[in-house]
Amino acid sequence: MNSEQCKICMFDFKPGTLIDGKCAPCVERYPDVDSMKEWKEKQNPELKDNERVFEAKVQKLLDRKLKEIGILSDCACGKSFFKKSPAHKNCGNCPKEDS
């Protein structure tokens, strides 16, 4: 038996039931797009903001864990840097203090 596949949801339907290659529920939900990829590209920009917030939280958690085990350290200037040795005290971008 031949079947047609919806461009959006990828389900199989009887021949002749699709409208412009989309099933009836997809025509109602996604009237102005021709593929799921196009729909995802047109998504709400708040989702991209949420992704940025999520990445920032993950980065903060990763930095905290690296500081706990001693790989990442804070410099006096406020930046974080990776220690190359136990004697390494500043990030290298700070001006050298004359003592």
N, C-alpha and C. Protein backbone atom coordinates (compact mmCIF):
# COMPACT_ATOMS: atom_id res chain seq x y z
N MET A 1 0.84 -1.18 0.00
CA MET A 1 0.00 0.00 0.00
C MET A 1 0.88 1.24 0.00
N ASN A 2 0.60 2.14 -0.88
CA ASN A 2 1.35 3.39 -0.96
C ASN A 2 0.88 4.34 0.13
N SER A 3 1.80 5.15 0.62
CA SER A 3 1.44 6.15 1.61
C SER A 3 2.24 7.42 1.34
N GLU A 4 1.72 8.52 1.83
CA GLU A 4 2.39 9.81 1.71
C GLU A 4 2.86 10.23 3.08
N GLN A 5 3.95 10.94 3.13
CA GLN A 5 4.52 11.37 4.40
C GLN A 5 4.38 12.88 4.55
N CYS A 6 3.93 13.30 5.73
CA CYS A 6 3.79 14.73 6.04
C CYS A 6 5.17 15.35 6.13
N LYS A 7 5.34 16.55 5.57
CA LYS A 7 6.63 17.24 5.59
C LYS A 7 7.02 17.71 6.99
N ILE A 8 6.05 17.96 7.84
CA ILE A 8 6.31 18.50 9.17
C ILE A 8 6.50 17.39 10.20
N CYS A 9 5.47 16.56 10.41
CA CYS A 9 5.51 15.56 11.48
C CYS A 9 6.09 14.22 11.04
N MET A 10 6.27 14.02 9.76
CA MET A 10 6.87 12.82 9.18
C MET A 10 6.03 11.55 9.39
N PHE A 11 4.75 11.67 9.69
CA PHE A 11 3.87 10.50 9.79
C PHE A 11 3.37 10.12 8.40
N ASP A 12 3.03 8.85 8.25
CA ASP A 12 2.51 8.35 6.97
C ASP A 12 0.99 8.46 6.96
N PHE A 13 0.44 8.85 5.80
CA PHE A 13 -1.00 9.00 5.62
C PHE A 13 -1.43 8.34 4.32
N LYS A 14 -2.72 8.10 4.20
CA LYS A 14 -3.26 7.55 2.97
C LYS A 14 -3.04 8.55 1.84
N PRO A 15 -2.86 8.05 0.63
CA PRO A 15 -2.70 8.97 -0.51
C PRO A 15 -3.93 9.86 -0.67
N GLY A 16 -3.70 11.13 -0.93
CA GLY A 16 -4.78 12.08 -1.15
C GLY A 16 -5.27 12.79 0.09
N THR A 17 -4.73 12.48 1.26
CA THR A 17 -5.22 13.13 2.49
C THR A 17 -4.37 14.34 2.88
N LEU A 18 -3.21 14.50 2.29
CA LEU A 18 -2.34 15.63 2.65
C LEU A 18 -2.69 16.86 1.84
N ILE A 19 -2.53 18.01 2.46
CA ILE A 19 -2.78 19.30 1.82
C ILE A 19 -1.42 19.98 1.64
N ASP A 20 -0.97 20.13 0.41
CA ASP A 20 0.35 20.69 0.10
C ASP A 20 1.47 19.94 0.83
N GLY A 21 1.31 18.63 0.99
CA GLY A 21 2.34 17.82 1.63
C GLY A 21 2.29 17.82 3.15
N LYS A 22 1.25 18.46 3.73
CA LYS A 22 1.12 18.51 5.19
C LYS A 22 -0.22 17.92 5.61
N CYS A 23 -0.24 17.26 6.77
CA CYS A 23 -1.50 16.71 7.30
C CYS A 23 -2.34 17.85 7.88
N ALA A 24 -3.61 17.57 8.16
CA ALA A 24 -4.53 18.61 8.64
C ALA A 24 -4.07 19.24 9.96
N PRO A 25 -3.63 18.46 10.97
CA PRO A 25 -3.16 19.11 12.20
C PRO A 25 -1.94 20.01 11.97
N CYS A 26 -1.03 19.59 11.11
CA CYS A 26 0.15 20.41 10.83
C CYS A 26 -0.21 21.67 10.05
N VAL A 27 -1.23 21.59 9.18
CA VAL A 27 -1.70 22.78 8.46
C VAL A 27 -2.22 23.80 9.46
N GLU A 28 -2.93 23.33 10.49
CA GLU A 28 -3.47 24.24 11.51
C GLU A 28 -2.37 24.82 12.39
N ARG A 29 -1.42 23.97 12.82
CA ARG A 29 -0.36 24.43 13.72
C ARG A 29 0.72 25.23 13.03
N TYR A 30 1.07 24.82 11.82
CA TYR A 30 2.19 25.44 11.10
C TYR A 30 1.72 25.89 9.72
N PRO A 31 0.88 26.91 9.65
CA PRO A 31 0.31 27.29 8.35
C PRO A 31 1.31 27.91 7.37
N ASP A 32 2.33 28.59 7.86
CA ASP A 32 3.20 29.33 6.95
C ASP A 32 4.60 28.75 6.80
N VAL A 33 4.80 27.49 7.17
CA VAL A 33 6.11 26.85 7.00
C VAL A 33 5.96 25.58 6.18
N ASP A 34 7.07 25.16 5.55
CA ASP A 34 7.05 23.97 4.71
C ASP A 34 7.85 22.82 5.27
N SER A 35 8.56 23.04 6.37
CA SER A 35 9.33 21.94 6.97
C SER A 35 9.54 22.24 8.45
N MET A 36 9.90 21.21 9.20
CA MET A 36 10.15 21.39 10.63
C MET A 36 11.39 22.24 10.84
N LYS A 37 12.37 22.11 9.95
CA LYS A 37 13.59 22.93 10.05
C LYS A 37 13.24 24.41 9.94
N GLU A 38 12.39 24.75 9.00
CA GLU A 38 11.97 26.14 8.83
C GLU A 38 11.22 26.63 10.07
N TRP A 39 10.40 25.76 10.67
CA TRP A 39 9.66 26.11 11.88
C TRP A 39 10.62 26.41 13.02
N LYS A 40 11.64 25.56 13.19
CA LYS A 40 12.61 25.76 14.27
C LYS A 40 13.40 27.04 14.08
N GLU A 41 13.67 27.41 12.84
CA GLU A 41 14.40 28.65 12.58
C GLU A 41 13.57 29.88 12.92
N LYS A 42 12.25 29.76 12.82
CA LYS A 42 11.36 30.89 13.10
C LYS A 42 10.90 30.92 14.56
N GLN A 43 11.46 30.06 15.40
CA GLN A 43 11.01 29.97 16.78
C GLN A 43 11.17 31.29 17.51
N ASN A 44 10.53 31.36 18.62
CA ASN A 44 10.54 32.53 19.48
C ASN A 44 11.98 32.85 19.93
N PRO A 45 12.42 34.09 19.81
CA PRO A 45 13.78 34.43 20.24
C PRO A 45 14.02 34.24 21.73
N GLU A 46 12.95 34.12 22.52
CA GLU A 46 13.12 33.87 23.95
C GLU A 46 13.81 32.53 24.19
N LEU A 47 13.59 31.58 23.29
CA LEU A 47 14.24 30.28 23.43
C LEU A 47 15.75 30.42 23.30
N LYS A 48 16.19 31.30 22.40
CA LYS A 48 17.63 31.53 22.25
C LYS A 48 18.17 32.21 23.51
N ASP A 49 17.39 33.11 24.10
CA ASP A 49 17.80 33.74 25.36
C ASP A 49 17.90 32.69 26.46
N ASN A 50 16.95 31.78 26.49
CA ASN A 50 17.00 30.71 27.48
C ASN A 50 18.24 29.84 27.29
N GLU A 51 18.60 29.61 26.04
CA GLU A 51 19.80 28.82 25.76
C GLU A 51 21.04 29.55 26.27
N ARG A 52 21.09 30.88 26.07
CA ARG A 52 22.22 31.66 26.57
C ARG A 52 22.29 31.63 28.09
N VAL A 53 21.13 31.73 28.74
CA VAL A 53 21.09 31.67 30.20
C VAL A 53 21.57 30.30 30.67
N PHE A 54 21.13 29.25 30.00
CA PHE A 54 21.55 27.89 30.35
C PHE A 54 23.06 27.73 30.19
N GLU A 55 23.62 28.24 29.09
CA GLU A 55 25.06 28.16 28.87
C GLU A 55 25.82 28.93 29.94
N ALA A 56 25.31 30.08 30.35
CA ALA A 56 25.96 30.87 31.40
C ALA A 56 25.95 30.12 32.73
N LYS A 57 24.83 29.46 33.04
CA LYS A 57 24.76 28.68 34.28
C LYS A 57 25.74 27.51 34.25
N VAL A 58 25.83 26.84 33.12
CA VAL A 58 26.76 25.72 33.00
C VAL A 58 28.20 26.20 33.12
N GLN A 59 28.51 27.35 32.50
CA GLN A 59 29.86 27.90 32.57
C GLN A 59 30.21 28.29 34.00
N LYS A 60 29.26 28.87 34.71
CA LYS A 60 29.49 29.26 36.10
C LYS A 60 29.74 28.03 36.97
N LEU A 61 28.95 26.98 36.76
CA LEU A 61 29.12 25.73 37.51
C LEU A 61 30.47 25.09 37.20
N LEU A 62 30.84 25.08 35.94
CA LEU A 62 32.13 24.52 35.53
C LEU A 62 33.29 25.30 36.14
N ASP A 63 33.21 26.63 36.11
CA ASP A 63 34.25 27.46 36.72
C ASP A 63 34.37 27.19 38.23
N ARG A 64 33.23 27.07 38.90
CA ARG A 64 33.25 26.79 40.33
C ARG A 64 33.91 25.45 40.63
N LYS A 65 33.58 24.44 39.86
CA LYS A 65 34.18 23.11 40.08
C LYS A 65 35.68 23.13 39.79
N LEU A 66 36.10 23.84 38.73
CA LEU A 66 37.53 23.92 38.41
C LEU A 66 38.29 24.68 39.50
N LYS A 67 37.64 25.67 40.10
CA LYS A 67 38.28 26.40 41.20
C LYS A 67 38.39 25.53 42.44
N GLU A 68 37.39 24.69 42.68
CA GLU A 68 37.42 23.80 43.83
C GLU A 68 38.58 22.81 43.77
N ILE A 69 38.88 22.32 42.58
CA ILE A 69 39.96 21.34 42.48
C ILE A 69 41.31 21.99 42.21
N GLY A 70 41.34 23.31 42.08
CA GLY A 70 42.60 24.03 42.00
C GLY A 70 43.16 24.24 40.61
N ILE A 71 42.41 23.96 39.59
CA ILE A 71 42.89 24.15 38.22
C ILE A 71 42.71 25.61 37.79
N LEU A 72 41.62 26.22 38.18
CA LEU A 72 41.31 27.59 37.83
C LEU A 72 41.45 28.45 39.08
N SER A 73 42.08 29.62 38.95
CA SER A 73 42.27 30.52 40.09
C SER A 73 41.82 31.92 39.73
N ASP A 74 41.52 32.70 40.77
CA ASP A 74 41.14 34.09 40.58
C ASP A 74 42.37 34.97 40.72
N CYS A 75 42.48 35.95 39.86
CA CYS A 75 43.57 36.91 39.91
C CYS A 75 43.12 38.13 40.74
N ALA A 76 44.05 38.95 41.12
CA ALA A 76 43.74 40.17 41.86
C ALA A 76 42.93 41.14 41.02
N CYS A 77 43.08 41.07 39.68
CA CYS A 77 42.34 41.97 38.79
C CYS A 77 40.89 41.53 38.60
N GLY A 78 40.54 40.33 39.08
CA GLY A 78 39.17 39.86 38.98
C GLY A 78 38.95 38.83 37.90
N LYS A 79 39.94 38.59 37.06
CA LYS A 79 39.81 37.60 36.00
C LYS A 79 40.23 36.23 36.53
N SER A 80 39.74 35.20 35.87
CA SER A 80 40.15 33.84 36.21
C SER A 80 41.23 33.39 35.24
N PHE A 81 42.11 32.53 35.73
CA PHE A 81 43.18 32.02 34.87
C PHE A 81 43.51 30.59 35.28
N PHE A 82 44.09 29.85 34.36
CA PHE A 82 44.51 28.48 34.62
C PHE A 82 45.92 28.51 35.18
N LYS A 83 46.09 27.90 36.34
CA LYS A 83 47.41 27.85 36.97
C LYS A 83 48.33 26.91 36.21
N LYS A 84 49.54 27.36 35.95
CA LYS A 84 50.52 26.51 35.29
C LYS A 84 51.43 25.84 36.30
N SER A 85 51.51 26.42 37.48
CA SER A 85 52.30 25.83 38.56
C SER A 85 51.72 26.33 39.88
N PRO A 86 52.06 25.72 40.99
CA PRO A 86 51.55 26.18 42.28
C PRO A 86 51.99 27.60 42.63
N ALA A 87 53.10 28.07 42.06
CA ALA A 87 53.59 29.41 42.35
C ALA A 87 52.95 30.48 41.47
N HIS A 88 52.19 30.08 40.50
CA HIS A 88 51.54 31.01 39.58
C HIS A 88 50.44 31.76 40.32
N LYS A 89 50.59 33.09 40.49
CA LYS A 89 49.68 33.87 41.33
C LYS A 89 48.79 34.86 40.57
N ASN A 90 49.20 35.27 39.35
CA ASN A 90 48.36 36.23 38.62
C ASN A 90 48.16 35.77 37.18
N CYS A 91 47.25 36.42 36.48
CA CYS A 91 46.81 35.96 35.17
C CYS A 91 47.81 36.23 34.05
N GLY A 92 48.74 37.09 34.25
CA GLY A 92 49.70 37.40 33.21
C GLY A 92 49.35 38.66 32.44
N ASN A 93 48.11 39.11 32.51
CA ASN A 93 47.70 40.34 31.85
C ASN A 93 47.78 41.54 32.78
N CYS A 94 47.99 41.28 34.06
CA CYS A 94 48.09 42.36 35.04
C CYS A 94 49.47 43.04 34.94
N PRO A 95 49.53 44.32 35.20
CA PRO A 95 50.85 44.97 35.23
C PRO A 95 51.66 44.45 36.41
N LYS A 96 52.94 44.26 36.20
CA LYS A 96 53.80 43.74 37.26
C LYS A 96 54.05 44.82 38.29
N GLU A 97 53.91 44.43 39.54
CA GLU A 97 54.14 45.37 40.63
C GLU A 97 55.61 45.38 40.98
N ASP A 98 56.17 46.57 41.14
CA ASP A 98 57.56 46.68 41.59
C ASP A 98 57.57 46.73 43.11
N SER A 99 58.29 45.80 43.73
CA SER A 99 58.34 45.82 45.18
C SER A 99 59.73 46.03 45.68
